[in-house]
Amino acid sequence: MSLISVDQDIQRPTHPRLHIRDARDAHVVLEAVRQGLLQPVKRRLNELERNMSIRSGSVFVWEESDDETGPAEVDRLPIVEPISHAGGELLAI
């Protein structure tokens, strides 16, 4: 497999550098995904993608899935920063 085809298969964050301060910011990101302005994650990240993409400010949006290969199993992802709490609301995006 060539490097070009491998690079084309690599998933990227929905947005690589965002600071989500509150629920309104989260809704803006989700609406951008709904309108097709940002791309959601389609599957669980592999080890290479996790090492490359999980950084402070990286935002990942996905649809919940009952499929074992879907990104619904977020408990396997390393936590880089604590989950944000804004105004008493838990932002689990």
Protein backbone atom coordinates (compact mmCIF):
# COMPACT_ATOMS: atom_id res chain seq x y z
CA MET A 1 0.00 0.00 0.00
CA SER A 2 1.42 3.41 -0.92
CA LEU A 3 1.69 6.35 1.47
CA ILE A 4 -0.87 8.29 -0.57
CA SER A 5 -3.60 5.68 -0.14
CA VAL A 6 -2.81 5.30 3.58
CA ASP A 7 -3.02 9.08 4.07
CA GLN A 8 -6.40 9.22 2.29
CA ASP A 9 -7.84 6.67 4.74
CA ILE A 10 -6.71 8.55 7.87
CA GLN A 11 -9.55 10.17 9.80
CA ARG A 12 -9.07 13.68 11.06
CA PRO A 13 -10.82 15.50 13.92
CA THR A 14 -14.09 17.19 13.08
CA HIS A 15 -12.13 20.36 13.91
CA PRO A 16 -8.45 20.37 14.96
CA ARG A 17 -8.40 23.51 17.15
CA LEU A 18 -11.50 24.64 18.99
CA HIS A 19 -12.21 25.72 22.53
CA ILE A 20 -15.79 24.81 23.40
CA ARG A 21 -16.76 27.05 26.31
CA ASP A 22 -20.41 26.18 26.77
CA ALA A 23 -23.45 24.37 25.39
CA ARG A 24 -24.03 27.12 22.80
CA ASP A 25 -20.55 26.51 21.32
CA ALA A 26 -21.30 22.78 21.23
CA HIS A 27 -24.60 23.41 19.44
CA VAL A 28 -22.80 25.56 16.84
CA VAL A 29 -20.37 22.72 16.11
CA LEU A 30 -23.16 20.14 15.92
CA GLU A 31 -25.15 22.37 13.57
CA ALA A 32 -22.09 22.82 11.34
CA VAL A 33 -21.83 19.02 11.12
CA ARG A 34 -25.57 18.71 10.40
CA GLN A 35 -25.24 21.24 7.54
CA GLY A 36 -22.18 19.47 6.12
CA LEU A 37 -19.75 22.30 6.91
CA LEU A 38 -17.74 20.00 9.21
CA GLN A 39 -17.28 16.25 8.82
CA PRO A 40 -18.13 13.79 11.60
CA VAL A 41 -15.88 10.86 12.52
CA LYS A 42 -17.16 7.77 10.69
CA ARG A 43 -15.48 5.00 12.69
CA ARG A 44 -13.36 4.45 15.79
CA LEU A 45 -9.87 5.89 15.46
CA ASN A 46 -7.03 3.42 15.00
CA GLU A 47 -3.77 3.73 16.97
CA LEU A 48 -2.05 5.90 14.34
CA GLU A 49 -5.03 8.25 14.16
CA ARG A 50 -5.22 8.51 17.95
CA ASN A 51 -1.53 9.37 18.17
CA MET A 52 -1.83 11.96 15.40
CA SER A 53 -5.17 13.56 16.21
CA ILE A 54 -5.96 13.52 19.92
CA ARG A 55 -4.60 16.83 21.14
CA SER A 56 -5.85 19.72 23.22
CA GLY A 57 -8.45 21.54 21.13
CA SER A 58 -9.28 18.60 18.85
CA VAL A 59 -13.04 18.12 18.54
CA PHE A 60 -14.60 14.85 17.40
CA VAL A 61 -18.29 14.58 16.48
CA TRP A 62 -19.88 11.21 15.72
CA GLU A 63 -23.25 9.54 15.64
CA GLU A 64 -23.96 6.95 18.29
CA SER A 65 -23.83 3.43 16.92
CA ASP A 66 -24.70 -0.04 18.16
CA ASP A 67 -22.21 -1.43 15.63
CA GLU A 68 -19.10 -2.71 17.44
CA THR A 69 -16.84 -0.94 14.95
CA GLY A 70 -18.66 2.38 15.32
CA PRO A 71 -17.25 5.27 17.34
CA ALA A 72 -19.78 4.85 20.17
CA GLU A 73 -17.15 3.13 22.34
CA VAL A 74 -15.46 6.33 23.50
CA ASP A 75 -14.29 4.73 26.74
CA ARG A 76 -11.31 3.29 24.87
CA LEU A 77 -10.00 6.73 23.87
CA PRO A 78 -7.36 8.32 26.10
CA ILE A 79 -8.52 11.44 27.92
CA VAL A 80 -6.22 14.38 27.24
CA GLU A 81 -8.12 16.95 29.28
CA PRO A 82 -11.03 16.72 31.72
CA ILE A 83 -14.50 16.92 30.18
CA SER A 84 -15.68 20.52 30.19
CA HIS A 85 -18.26 21.68 32.69
CA ALA A 86 -19.91 24.96 31.71
CA GLY A 87 -22.52 26.58 33.89
CA GLY A 88 -23.29 23.28 35.58
CA GLU A 89 -23.91 21.49 32.27
CA LEU A 90 -21.79 18.51 31.29
CA LEU A 91 -20.58 18.84 27.71
CA ALA A 92 -20.12 15.34 26.33
CA ILE A 93 -19.67 15.96 22.65
